[in-house]
Amino acid sequence: MKHTILLLHGALGSAAELKFLKRELPPFYTVHAFSFGGHGGQPLAGPAFSMKAMAQEVRQFILDHGLPPVHVFGYSMGGYAALTAAVQWPELFSSITTLGTKFDWTPATAAQATGFLDAAIMREKVPQFASQLEQLHAPTPLPQFLAATAALLRGLGDAPLLHAHNLATLEVPVQVLVGELDKTAGVDASRAYADHMPRASFEIIMNTPHPLEKVNPDVLVNRIARFVETVEEGMV
């Protein structure tokens, strides 16, 4: 029986950044991915840029495609969206693996994260990156896209959706992965939030920073597949 895996991308990204996983994951998995609203050419609507709406998108994708309980891999923001959905609709999930997901949102951390999300500054400091984002998310104008992303992060800073109380009720198996050099998610914070979840494991991927393209793909594929098989064998 094929197991179903759903891949969820990070902030500023799209499903395109996960193509390597669709290619490298074993062929006996059925792999799905989608771009959140406002990302990768998807229409930008105000509600789409809230974490509650993204969690709802995860749920709706699963239901619309008639998927069995899925194993999710969520990178960064995608991991947060998956866990937010699983807290509300655990019956839709077999397991969740997160990588580089920032859990410890506060107004201060949100302010730090949004400081770079200004189109003029980005075009001046990193013009090539700004151009890549414009192409990736067209037809949405870059200033509008970055402003919406900043609002999303500020919303998490003001009212985080994941906390010790609701994570403690989550019975879905979760694997929390974080790079040793990840300054965005942070090793200590990732470990602390993993400890809140009754069926969570935690692992540091050595010599690895936050950007997905810096992660060893063989290591990541191994960790995802190993966790899926462990869950399916009833060992978690």
C-alpha atoms as a PDB file:
ATOM      1  CA  MET A   1       0.000   0.000   0.000  1.00  0.00           C
ATOM      2  CA  LYS A   2       1.346   3.393  -0.971  1.00  0.00           C
ATOM      3  CA  HIS A   3       1.677   5.978   1.775  1.00  0.00           C
ATOM      4  CA  THR A   4       0.622   9.540   1.002  1.00  0.00           C
ATOM      5  CA  ILE A   5       3.001  12.427   1.644  1.00  0.00           C
ATOM      6  CA  LEU A   6       2.057  16.102   1.441  1.00  0.00           C
ATOM      7  CA  LEU A   7       4.848  18.665   1.045  1.00  0.00           C
ATOM      8  CA  LEU A   8       4.361  22.230   2.330  1.00  0.00           C
ATOM      9  CA  HIS A   9       6.705  25.079   1.418  1.00  0.00           C
ATOM     10  CA  GLY A  10       8.106  27.913   3.501  1.00  0.00           C
ATOM     11  CA  ALA A  11       7.522  31.667   3.603  1.00  0.00           C
ATOM     12  CA  LEU A  12       8.478  33.512   0.384  1.00  0.00           C
ATOM     13  CA  GLY A  13       8.559  30.125  -1.383  1.00  0.00           C
ATOM     14  CA  SER A  14       6.235  27.926  -3.415  1.00  0.00           C
ATOM     15  CA  ALA A  15       5.686  24.280  -4.249  1.00  0.00           C
ATOM     16  CA  ALA A  16       8.499  24.610  -6.794  1.00  0.00           C
ATOM     17  CA  GLU A  17      11.110  24.600  -4.003  1.00  0.00           C
ATOM     18  CA  LEU A  18      10.000  21.082  -3.071  1.00  0.00           C
ATOM     19  CA  LYS A  19      10.371  19.491  -6.512  1.00  0.00           C
ATOM     20  CA  PHE A  20      13.611  17.825  -5.468  1.00  0.00           C
ATOM     21  CA  LEU A  21      11.766  15.976  -2.707  1.00  0.00           C
ATOM     22  CA  LYS A  22       9.063  14.789  -5.086  1.00  0.00           C
ATOM     23  CA  ARG A  23      11.859  13.503  -7.296  1.00  0.00           C
ATOM     24  CA  GLU A  24      13.969  11.898  -4.574  1.00  0.00           C
ATOM     25  CA  LEU A  25      11.370  10.356  -2.272  1.00  0.00           C
ATOM     26  CA  PRO A  26      10.881   6.618  -2.870  1.00  0.00           C
ATOM     27  CA  PRO A  27       8.534   5.790  -5.767  1.00  0.00           C
ATOM     28  CA  PHE A  28       6.259   3.751  -3.503  1.00  0.00           C
ATOM     29  CA  TYR A  29       5.028   6.997  -1.914  1.00  0.00           C
ATOM     30  CA  THR A  30       2.253   9.089  -3.431  1.00  0.00           C
ATOM     31  CA  VAL A  31       3.560  12.661  -3.122  1.00  0.00           C
ATOM     32  CA  HIS A  32       1.500  15.844  -3.316  1.00  0.00           C
ATOM     33  CA  ALA A  33       2.406  19.530  -3.011  1.00  0.00           C
ATOM     34  CA  PHE A  34       0.694  22.852  -3.520  1.00  0.00           C
ATOM     35  CA  SER A  35       1.451  26.554  -3.216  1.00  0.00           C
ATOM     36  CA  PHE A  36      -0.336  28.489  -0.505  1.00  0.00           C
ATOM     37  CA  GLY A  37      -2.599  31.335  -1.546  1.00  0.00           C
ATOM     38  CA  GLY A  38      -0.605  34.350  -2.779  1.00  0.00           C
ATOM     39  CA  HIS A  39       2.488  32.227  -3.437  1.00  0.00           C
ATOM     40  CA  GLY A  40       3.816  30.861  -6.704  1.00  0.00           C
ATOM     41  CA  GLY A  41       1.285  32.697  -8.853  1.00  0.00           C
ATOM     42  CA  GLN A  42      -1.721  31.812  -6.720  1.00  0.00           C
ATOM     43  CA  PRO A  43      -4.148  34.724  -6.235  1.00  0.00           C
ATOM     44  CA  LEU A  44      -3.398  37.019  -3.327  1.00  0.00           C
ATOM     45  CA  ALA A  45      -6.320  37.617  -1.009  1.00  0.00           C
ATOM     46  CA  GLY A  46      -6.110  39.190   2.436  1.00  0.00           C
ATOM     47  CA  PRO A  47      -7.358  36.126   4.353  1.00  0.00           C
ATOM     48  CA  ALA A  48      -4.904  33.876   2.501  1.00  0.00           C
ATOM     49  CA  PHE A  49      -2.065  35.561   4.332  1.00  0.00           C
ATOM     50  CA  SER A  50      -3.032  34.492   7.795  1.00  0.00           C
ATOM     51  CA  MET A  51      -1.797  31.325   9.428  1.00  0.00           C
ATOM     52  CA  LYS A  52      -5.362  30.277  10.213  1.00  0.00           C
ATOM     53  CA  ALA A  53      -6.204  30.514   6.520  1.00  0.00           C
ATOM     54  CA  MET A  54      -3.105  28.519   5.577  1.00  0.00           C
ATOM     55  CA  ALA A  55      -4.060  25.773   8.005  1.00  0.00           C
ATOM     56  CA  GLN A  56      -7.489  25.757   6.406  1.00  0.00           C
ATOM     57  CA  GLU A  57      -5.846  25.439   2.977  1.00  0.00           C
ATOM     58  CA  VAL A  58      -4.006  22.337   4.165  1.00  0.00           C
ATOM     59  CA  ARG A  59      -7.265  20.812   5.357  1.00  0.00           C
ATOM     60  CA  GLN A  60      -9.101  21.735   2.168  1.00  0.00           C
ATOM     61  CA  PHE A  61      -6.400  20.281  -0.072  1.00  0.00           C
ATOM     62  CA  ILE A  62      -6.589  16.961   1.763  1.00  0.00           C
ATOM     63  CA  LEU A  63     -10.390  16.882   1.551  1.00  0.00           C
ATOM     64  CA  ASP A  64     -10.637  18.078  -2.062  1.00  0.00           C
ATOM     65  CA  HIS A  65      -8.227  15.383  -3.228  1.00  0.00           C
ATOM     66  CA  GLY A  66      -9.846  12.668  -1.153  1.00  0.00           C
ATOM     67  CA  LEU A  67      -6.548  11.803   0.507  1.00  0.00           C
ATOM     68  CA  PRO A  68      -6.205   9.282   3.322  1.00  0.00           C
ATOM     69  CA  PRO A  69      -4.530  10.546   6.502  1.00  0.00           C
ATOM     70  CA  VAL A  70      -1.338  12.111   5.188  1.00  0.00           C
ATOM     71  CA  HIS A  71       2.275  12.200   6.238  1.00  0.00           C
ATOM     72  CA  VAL A  72       3.352  15.840   5.981  1.00  0.00           C
ATOM     73  CA  PHE A  73       6.734  17.379   5.438  1.00  0.00           C
ATOM     74  CA  GLY A  74       6.579  21.101   6.183  1.00  0.00           C
ATOM     75  CA  TYR A  75       9.541  23.389   5.704  1.00  0.00           C
ATOM     76  CA  SER A  76       9.656  26.467   7.948  1.00  0.00           C
ATOM     77  CA  MET A  77       6.241  28.179   7.650  1.00  0.00           C
ATOM     78  CA  GLY A  78       4.812  25.022   6.078  1.00  0.00           C
ATOM     79  CA  GLY A  79       5.571  23.098   9.244  1.00  0.00           C
ATOM     80  CA  TYR A  80       3.756  25.682  11.339  1.00  0.00           C
ATOM     81  CA  ALA A  81       0.721  25.509   9.043  1.00  0.00           C
ATOM     82  CA  ALA A  82       0.673  21.706   9.226  1.00  0.00           C
ATOM     83  CA  LEU A  83       0.805  21.647  13.015  1.00  0.00           C
ATOM     84  CA  THR A  84      -1.837  24.371  13.266  1.00  0.00           C
ATOM     85  CA  ALA A  85      -4.114  22.257  11.082  1.00  0.00           C
ATOM     86  CA  ALA A  86      -3.322  19.061  12.982  1.00  0.00           C
ATOM     87  CA  VAL A  87      -4.235  20.617  16.326  1.00  0.00           C
ATOM     88  CA  GLN A  88      -7.719  21.257  14.894  1.00  0.00           C
ATOM     89  CA  TRP A  89      -8.178  18.228  12.614  1.00  0.00           C
ATOM     90  CA  PRO A  90      -5.821  15.470  13.826  1.00  0.00           C
ATOM     91  CA  GLU A  91      -7.772  12.777  11.996  1.00  0.00           C
ATOM     92  CA  LEU A  92      -6.384  14.102   8.677  1.00  0.00           C
ATOM     93  CA  PHE A  93      -2.752  13.385   9.584  1.00  0.00           C
ATOM     94  CA  SER A  94      -0.660  10.246  10.007  1.00  0.00           C
ATOM     95  CA  SER A  95       2.522  12.146  10.893  1.00  0.00           C
ATOM     96  CA  ILE A  96       4.230  15.510  10.495  1.00  0.00           C
ATOM     97  CA  THR A  97       7.905  16.230   9.915  1.00  0.00           C
ATOM     98  CA  THR A  98       8.976  19.846  10.271  1.00  0.00           C
ATOM     99  CA  LEU A  99      12.289  21.368   9.250  1.00  0.00           C
ATOM    100  CA  GLY A 100      13.417  24.826  10.301  1.00  0.00           C
ATOM    101  CA  THR A 101      10.011  25.763  11.696  1.00  0.00           C
ATOM    102  CA  LYS A 102      10.121  28.785  13.983  1.00  0.00           C
ATOM    103  CA  PHE A 103       7.892  28.194  16.985  1.00  0.00           C
ATOM    104  CA  ASP A 104       8.773  30.969  19.446  1.00  0.00           C
ATOM    105  CA  TRP A 105       6.918  33.899  17.912  1.00  0.00           C
ATOM    106  CA  THR A 106       6.717  37.145  19.898  1.00  0.00           C
ATOM    107  CA  PRO A 107       6.269  40.773  18.825  1.00  0.00           C
ATOM    108  CA  ALA A 108      10.046  41.194  19.087  1.00  0.00           C
ATOM    109  CA  THR A 109      10.927  38.170  16.947  1.00  0.00           C
ATOM    110  CA  ALA A 110       8.288  39.150  14.408  1.00  0.00           C
ATOM    111  CA  ALA A 111       9.735  42.655  14.173  1.00  0.00           C
ATOM    112  CA  GLN A 112      13.168  41.183  13.566  1.00  0.00           C
ATOM    113  CA  ALA A 113      11.869  38.803  10.898  1.00  0.00           C
ATOM    114  CA  THR A 114       9.942  41.494   9.029  1.00  0.00           C
ATOM    115  CA  GLY A 115      12.713  44.084   8.951  1.00  0.00           C
ATOM    116  CA  PHE A 116      13.961  42.749   5.617  1.00  0.00           C
ATOM    117  CA  LEU A 117      10.512  42.468   4.016  1.00  0.00           C
ATOM    118  CA  ASP A 118      10.599  45.845   2.284  1.00  0.00           C
ATOM    119  CA  ALA A 119      10.683  45.846  -1.509  1.00  0.00           C
ATOM    120  CA  ALA A 120      12.840  48.957  -1.828  1.00  0.00           C
ATOM    121  CA  ILE A 121      15.426  47.695   0.653  1.00  0.00           C
ATOM    122  CA  MET A 122      15.435  44.245  -0.911  1.00  0.00           C
ATOM    123  CA  ARG A 123      15.921  45.627  -4.418  1.00  0.00           C
ATOM    124  CA  GLU A 124      18.833  47.718  -3.195  1.00  0.00           C
ATOM    125  CA  LYS A 125      20.561  45.116  -1.028  1.00  0.00           C
ATOM    126  CA  VAL A 126      19.816  41.866  -2.892  1.00  0.00           C
ATOM    127  CA  PRO A 127      18.461  42.776  -6.336  1.00  0.00           C
ATOM    128  CA  GLN A 128      18.829  39.266  -7.744  1.00  0.00           C
ATOM    129  CA  PHE A 129      16.790  37.763  -4.906  1.00  0.00           C
ATOM    130  CA  ALA A 130      14.138  40.465  -5.315  1.00  0.00           C
ATOM    131  CA  SER A 131      13.928  39.696  -9.026  1.00  0.00           C
ATOM    132  CA  GLN A 132      13.556  35.983  -8.312  1.00  0.00           C
ATOM    133  CA  LEU A 133      10.696  36.660  -5.923  1.00  0.00           C
ATOM    134  CA  GLU A 134       8.957  38.907  -8.455  1.00  0.00           C
ATOM    135  CA  GLN A 135       9.106  36.174 -11.077  1.00  0.00           C
ATOM    136  CA  LEU A 136       8.071  33.426  -8.677  1.00  0.00           C
ATOM    137  CA  HIS A 137       5.010  35.195  -7.317  1.00  0.00           C
ATOM    138  CA  ALA A 138       3.843  37.100 -10.408  1.00  0.00           C
ATOM    139  CA  PRO A 139       1.372  38.564 -11.121  1.00  0.00           C
ATOM    140  CA  THR A 140       1.302  39.769  -7.482  1.00  0.00           C
ATOM    141  CA  PRO A 141       3.514  42.880  -7.207  1.00  0.00           C
ATOM    142  CA  LEU A 142       6.526  42.369  -4.957  1.00  0.00           C
ATOM    143  CA  PRO A 143       5.674  45.221  -2.525  1.00  0.00           C
ATOM    144  CA  GLN A 144       2.196  43.793  -2.015  1.00  0.00           C
ATOM    145  CA  PHE A 145       3.504  40.262  -1.512  1.00  0.00           C
ATOM    146  CA  LEU A 146       6.153  41.324   1.012  1.00  0.00           C
ATOM    147  CA  ALA A 147       3.704  43.522   2.912  1.00  0.00           C
ATOM    148  CA  ALA A 148       1.271  40.629   3.210  1.00  0.00           C
ATOM    149  CA  THR A 149       4.043  38.311   4.417  1.00  0.00           C
ATOM    150  CA  ALA A 150       5.111  40.875   7.009  1.00  0.00           C
ATOM    151  CA  ALA A 151       1.522  41.151   8.231  1.00  0.00           C
ATOM    152  CA  LEU A 152       1.347  37.366   8.560  1.00  0.00           C
ATOM    153  CA  LEU A 153       4.481  37.273  10.705  1.00  0.00           C
ATOM    154  CA  ARG A 154       3.342  40.179  12.861  1.00  0.00           C
ATOM    155  CA  GLY A 155       0.076  38.313  13.408  1.00  0.00           C
ATOM    156  CA  LEU A 156       2.013  35.314  14.678  1.00  0.00           C
ATOM    157  CA  GLY A 157       4.062  37.583  16.900  1.00  0.00           C
ATOM    158  CA  ASP A 158       0.970  39.115  18.437  1.00  0.00           C
ATOM    159  CA  ALA A 159      -1.010  35.880  18.768  1.00  0.00           C
ATOM    160  CA  PRO A 160       0.954  32.634  18.211  1.00  0.00           C
ATOM    161  CA  LEU A 161      -1.286  29.737  17.266  1.00  0.00           C
ATOM    162  CA  LEU A 162       0.994  27.026  18.646  1.00  0.00           C
ATOM    163  CA  HIS A 163       1.799  26.952  22.347  1.00  0.00           C
ATOM    164  CA  ALA A 164       2.450  24.506  25.160  1.00  0.00           C
ATOM    165  CA  HIS A 165      -1.234  23.981  25.956  1.00  0.00           C
ATOM    166  CA  ASN A 166      -2.538  22.955  22.530  1.00  0.00           C
ATOM    167  CA  LEU A 167       0.608  21.111  21.468  1.00  0.00           C
ATOM    168  CA  ALA A 168       0.328  18.968  24.592  1.00  0.00           C
ATOM    169  CA  THR A 169      -3.002  17.658  23.267  1.00  0.00           C
ATOM    170  CA  LEU A 170      -1.618  16.701  19.829  1.00  0.00           C
ATOM    171  CA  GLU A 171      -1.538  12.920  19.428  1.00  0.00           C
ATOM    172  CA  VAL A 172      -0.185  12.980  15.856  1.00  0.00           C
ATOM    173  CA  PRO A 173       3.425  11.721  15.666  1.00  0.00           C
ATOM    174  CA  VAL A 174       5.745  14.655  14.946  1.00  0.00           C
ATOM    175  CA  GLN A 175       9.407  14.764  13.959  1.00  0.00           C
ATOM    176  CA  VAL A 176      11.030  18.147  14.608  1.00  0.00           C
ATOM    177  CA  LEU A 177      14.203  18.681  12.576  1.00  0.00           C
ATOM    178  CA  VAL A 178      16.404  21.754  12.868  1.00  0.00           C
ATOM    179  CA  GLY A 179      19.762  22.644  11.405  1.00  0.00           C
ATOM    180  CA  GLU A 180      22.628  23.076  13.812  1.00  0.00           C
ATOM    181  CA  LEU A 181      23.326  26.522  12.308  1.00  0.00           C
ATOM    182  CA  ASP A 182      19.691  27.589  11.898  1.00  0.00           C
ATOM    183  CA  LYS A 183      19.448  31.052  13.434  1.00  0.00           C
ATOM    184  CA  THR A 184      15.839  31.485  12.293  1.00  0.00           C
ATOM    185  CA  ALA A 185      14.204  28.530  14.021  1.00  0.00           C
ATOM    186  CA  GLY A 186      16.845  28.083  16.709  1.00  0.00           C
ATOM    187  CA  VAL A 187      17.942  24.776  18.183  1.00  0.00           C
ATOM    188  CA  ASP A 188      16.898  25.502  21.766  1.00  0.00           C
ATOM    189  CA  ALA A 189      13.441  26.789  20.860  1.00  0.00           C
ATOM    190  CA  SER A 190      12.832  23.866  18.504  1.00  0.00           C
ATOM    191  CA  ARG A 191      13.800  21.391  21.215  1.00  0.00           C
ATOM    192  CA  ALA A 192      11.595  23.123  23.778  1.00  0.00           C
ATOM    193  CA  TYR A 193       8.513  23.021  21.561  1.00  0.00           C
ATOM    194  CA  ALA A 194       9.160  19.409  20.591  1.00  0.00           C
ATOM    195  CA  ASP A 195       9.109  18.615  24.295  1.00  0.00           C
ATOM    196  CA  HIS A 196       5.556  19.963  24.513  1.00  0.00           C
ATOM    197  CA  MET A 197       4.252  17.314  22.088  1.00  0.00           C
ATOM    198  CA  PRO A 198       3.563  13.866  23.547  1.00  0.00           C
ATOM    199  CA  ARG A 199       4.539  11.932  20.397  1.00  0.00           C
ATOM    200  CA  ALA A 200       7.373  14.093  19.085  1.00  0.00           C
ATOM    201  CA  SER A 201      10.987  13.304  18.335  1.00  0.00           C
ATOM    202  CA  PHE A 202      13.720  15.881  17.883  1.00  0.00           C
ATOM    203  CA  GLU A 203      16.896  15.862  15.839  1.00  0.00           C
ATOM    204  CA  ILE A 204      19.604  18.372  14.986  1.00  0.00           C
ATOM    205  CA  ILE A 205      20.981  18.145  11.455  1.00  0.00           C
ATOM    206  CA  MET A 206      24.622  19.030  11.816  1.00  0.00           C
ATOM    207  CA  ASN A 207      26.399  21.808   9.896  1.00  0.00           C
ATOM    208  CA  THR A 208      23.107  23.002   8.399  1.00  0.00           C
ATOM    209  CA  PRO A 209      21.705  26.566   8.303  1.00  0.00           C
ATOM    210  CA  HIS A 210      18.083  27.577   7.674  1.00  0.00           C
ATOM    211  CA  PRO A 211      17.772  27.849   3.860  1.00  0.00           C
ATOM    212  CA  LEU A 212      16.298  24.711   2.345  1.00  0.00           C
ATOM    213  CA  GLU A 213      18.818  24.683  -0.490  1.00  0.00           C
ATOM    214  CA  LYS A 214      21.600  24.344   2.096  1.00  0.00           C
ATOM    215  CA  VAL A 215      20.192  21.105   3.513  1.00  0.00           C
ATOM    216  CA  ASN A 216      21.746  17.838   2.345  1.00  0.00           C
ATOM    217  CA  PRO A 217      18.916  16.350   0.253  1.00  0.00           C
ATOM    218  CA  ASP A 218      19.956  12.761   0.914  1.00  0.00           C
ATOM    219  CA  VAL A 219      19.836  13.337   4.662  1.00  0.00           C
ATOM    220  CA  LEU A 220      16.438  15.024   4.454  1.00  0.00           C
ATOM    221  CA  VAL A 221      14.892  12.320   2.276  1.00  0.00           C
ATOM    222  CA  ASN A 222      16.252   9.689   4.641  1.00  0.00           C
ATOM    223  CA  ARG A 223      14.785  11.379   7.709  1.00  0.00           C
ATOM    224  CA  ILE A 224      11.356  11.841   6.129  1.00  0.00           C
ATOM    225  CA  ALA A 225      11.138   8.284   4.786  1.00  0.00           C
ATOM    226  CA  ARG A 226      12.503   6.740   7.968  1.00  0.00           C
ATOM    227  CA  PHE A 227       9.927   8.543  10.095  1.00  0.00           C
ATOM    228  CA  VAL A 228       7.056   7.598   7.791  1.00  0.00           C
ATOM    229  CA  GLU A 229       8.034   3.939   7.937  1.00  0.00           C
ATOM    230  CA  THR A 230       8.501   4.048  11.702  1.00  0.00           C
ATOM    231  CA  VAL A 231       5.021   5.512  12.140  1.00  0.00           C
ATOM    232  CA  GLU A 232       3.450   3.017   9.740  1.00  0.00           C
ATOM    233  CA  GLU A 233       5.061   0.164  11.644  1.00  0.00           C
ATOM    234  CA  GLY A 234       3.486   1.472  14.838  1.00  0.00           C
ATOM    235  CA  MET A 235       6.807   2.225  16.493  1.00  0.00           C
ATOM    236  CA  VAL A 236       6.006   5.840  17.421  1.00  0.00           C
END
